[in-house]
Amino acid sequence: MFLRFRSDELDNHFIHSDWHLASDHILLIITILIVKEYIQMKKHIIVKNNKEEKIFINKVIKAINNINISNLSDVISLENIVCSFA
């Protein structure tokens, strides 16, 4: 077990030498504190059945129609097409 030396958060370990049973290994237990943290998330949504949704769908259809699959000969070509579409 590798711990950060002189760290209050990560050097809080216990060695249980009497828990080894038939093995020659000794159980080590570490407690790591997890701090509550606010992570701001953003969602991009389009309201159903409005003008923005229709524009978005038309752009997706156009992008799909413009995908060049004439040189789709291997997995790498497929991955490149998928990445360019994404």
C-alpha atoms as a PDB file:
ATOM      1  CA  MET A   1       0.000   0.000   0.000  1.00  0.00           C
ATOM      2  CA  PHE A   2       1.423   3.372  -0.996  1.00  0.00           C
ATOM      3  CA  LEU A   3       0.330   6.307   1.134  1.00  0.00           C
ATOM      4  CA  ARG A   4       1.231   9.972   1.187  1.00  0.00           C
ATOM      5  CA  PHE A   5       3.761  10.510   3.948  1.00  0.00           C
ATOM      6  CA  ARG A   6       2.618  12.910   6.706  1.00  0.00           C
ATOM      7  CA  SER A   7      -0.801  13.420   5.139  1.00  0.00           C
ATOM      8  CA  ASP A   8      -3.750  13.719   7.515  1.00  0.00           C
ATOM      9  CA  GLU A   9      -6.165  12.545   4.807  1.00  0.00           C
ATOM     10  CA  LEU A  10      -4.191   9.661   3.313  1.00  0.00           C
ATOM     11  CA  ASP A  11      -1.935   8.439   6.089  1.00  0.00           C
ATOM     12  CA  ASN A  12      -4.739   7.218   8.324  1.00  0.00           C
ATOM     13  CA  HIS A  13      -4.111   3.487   8.144  1.00  0.00           C
ATOM     14  CA  PHE A  14      -4.351   0.489  10.447  1.00  0.00           C
ATOM     15  CA  ILE A  15      -2.237  -2.670  10.418  1.00  0.00           C
ATOM     16  CA  HIS A  16      -4.107  -5.742  11.683  1.00  0.00           C
ATOM     17  CA  SER A  17      -1.345  -8.258  12.344  1.00  0.00           C
ATOM     18  CA  ASP A  18      -3.734 -10.647  14.118  1.00  0.00           C
ATOM     19  CA  TRP A  19      -6.075 -10.952  11.089  1.00  0.00           C
ATOM     20  CA  HIS A  20      -3.669 -12.910   8.868  1.00  0.00           C
ATOM     21  CA  LEU A  21      -5.268 -16.370   9.379  1.00  0.00           C
ATOM     22  CA  ALA A  22      -3.161 -19.015   7.601  1.00  0.00           C
ATOM     23  CA  SER A  23      -1.496 -16.496   5.295  1.00  0.00           C
ATOM     24  CA  ASP A  24       1.723 -14.640   5.961  1.00  0.00           C
ATOM     25  CA  HIS A  25       0.111 -11.431   4.658  1.00  0.00           C
ATOM     26  CA  ILE A  26      -1.159  -8.816   7.091  1.00  0.00           C
ATOM     27  CA  LEU A  27      -4.348  -6.881   6.447  1.00  0.00           C
ATOM     28  CA  LEU A  28      -3.947  -3.126   6.003  1.00  0.00           C
ATOM     29  CA  ILE A  29      -6.963  -0.836   6.179  1.00  0.00           C
ATOM     30  CA  ILE A  30      -7.051   2.802   5.143  1.00  0.00           C
ATOM     31  CA  THR A  31      -9.888   5.273   5.599  1.00  0.00           C
ATOM     32  CA  ILE A  32     -10.184   7.952   2.933  1.00  0.00           C
ATOM     33  CA  LEU A  33     -12.520  10.846   3.652  1.00  0.00           C
ATOM     34  CA  ILE A  34     -14.781  11.936   0.815  1.00  0.00           C
ATOM     35  CA  VAL A  35     -15.731  15.574   0.956  1.00  0.00           C
ATOM     36  CA  LYS A  36     -19.082  16.794  -0.304  1.00  0.00           C
ATOM     37  CA  GLU A  37     -18.448  18.988  -3.305  1.00  0.00           C
ATOM     38  CA  TYR A  38     -20.837  20.861  -5.556  1.00  0.00           C
ATOM     39  CA  ILE A  39     -20.231  20.073  -9.211  1.00  0.00           C
ATOM     40  CA  GLN A  40     -22.018  22.450 -11.543  1.00  0.00           C
ATOM     41  CA  MET A  41     -23.608  20.714 -14.498  1.00  0.00           C
ATOM     42  CA  LYS A  42     -25.164  22.202 -17.587  1.00  0.00           C
ATOM     43  CA  LYS A  43     -27.783  20.586 -19.746  1.00  0.00           C
ATOM     44  CA  HIS A  44     -28.459  21.648 -23.283  1.00  0.00           C
ATOM     45  CA  ILE A  45     -32.058  20.954 -24.201  1.00  0.00           C
ATOM     46  CA  ILE A  46     -34.291  21.744 -27.110  1.00  0.00           C
ATOM     47  CA  VAL A  47     -37.973  22.102 -26.400  1.00  0.00           C
ATOM     48  CA  LYS A  48     -39.999  19.529 -28.288  1.00  0.00           C
ATOM     49  CA  ASN A  49     -42.061  20.634 -31.306  1.00  0.00           C
ATOM     50  CA  ASN A  50     -40.591  24.117 -31.637  1.00  0.00           C
ATOM     51  CA  LYS A  51     -38.635  25.896 -34.378  1.00  0.00           C
ATOM     52  CA  GLU A  52     -35.241  25.187 -32.770  1.00  0.00           C
ATOM     53  CA  GLU A  53     -35.950  21.446 -32.712  1.00  0.00           C
ATOM     54  CA  LYS A  54     -36.851  21.429 -36.410  1.00  0.00           C
ATOM     55  CA  ILE A  55     -33.676  23.341 -37.307  1.00  0.00           C
ATOM     56  CA  PHE A  56     -31.543  20.925 -35.241  1.00  0.00           C
ATOM     57  CA  ILE A  57     -33.141  17.831 -36.806  1.00  0.00           C
ATOM     58  CA  ASN A  58     -32.618  19.257 -40.302  1.00  0.00           C
ATOM     59  CA  LYS A  59     -28.937  19.918 -39.511  1.00  0.00           C
ATOM     60  CA  VAL A  60     -28.498  16.331 -38.239  1.00  0.00           C
ATOM     61  CA  ILE A  61     -30.174  14.902 -41.353  1.00  0.00           C
ATOM     62  CA  LYS A  62     -27.968  17.063 -43.575  1.00  0.00           C
ATOM     63  CA  ALA A  63     -24.822  15.992 -41.691  1.00  0.00           C
ATOM     64  CA  ILE A  64     -25.765  12.313 -42.045  1.00  0.00           C
ATOM     65  CA  ASN A  65     -26.473  12.736 -45.755  1.00  0.00           C
ATOM     66  CA  ASN A  66     -23.075  14.428 -46.245  1.00  0.00           C
ATOM     67  CA  ILE A  67     -21.057  11.599 -44.680  1.00  0.00           C
ATOM     68  CA  ASN A  68     -18.667  10.227 -47.264  1.00  0.00           C
ATOM     69  CA  ILE A  69     -18.723   6.434 -46.985  1.00  0.00           C
ATOM     70  CA  SER A  70     -16.977   5.739 -50.301  1.00  0.00           C
ATOM     71  CA  ASN A  71     -13.689   4.964 -48.517  1.00  0.00           C
ATOM     72  CA  LEU A  72     -15.140   2.903 -45.687  1.00  0.00           C
ATOM     73  CA  SER A  73     -12.756  -0.061 -45.886  1.00  0.00           C
ATOM     74  CA  ASP A  74     -11.660  -0.722 -42.307  1.00  0.00           C
ATOM     75  CA  VAL A  75     -12.395  -0.054 -38.641  1.00  0.00           C
ATOM     76  CA  ILE A  76     -10.139   3.017 -38.528  1.00  0.00           C
ATOM     77  CA  SER A  77     -12.070   4.616 -41.412  1.00  0.00           C
ATOM     78  CA  LEU A  78     -15.335   3.899 -39.611  1.00  0.00           C
ATOM     79  CA  GLU A  79     -14.013   5.411 -36.357  1.00  0.00           C
ATOM     80  CA  ASN A  80     -12.888   8.534 -38.244  1.00  0.00           C
ATOM     81  CA  ILE A  81     -16.328   8.956 -39.792  1.00  0.00           C
ATOM     82  CA  VAL A  82     -18.079   8.475 -36.455  1.00  0.00           C
ATOM     83  CA  CYS A  83     -15.734  10.963 -34.732  1.00  0.00           C
ATOM     84  CA  SER A  84     -16.207  13.557 -37.461  1.00  0.00           C
ATOM     85  CA  PHE A  85     -19.976  13.177 -37.195  1.00  0.00           C
ATOM     86  CA  ALA A  86     -19.910  13.471 -33.402  1.00  0.00           C
END
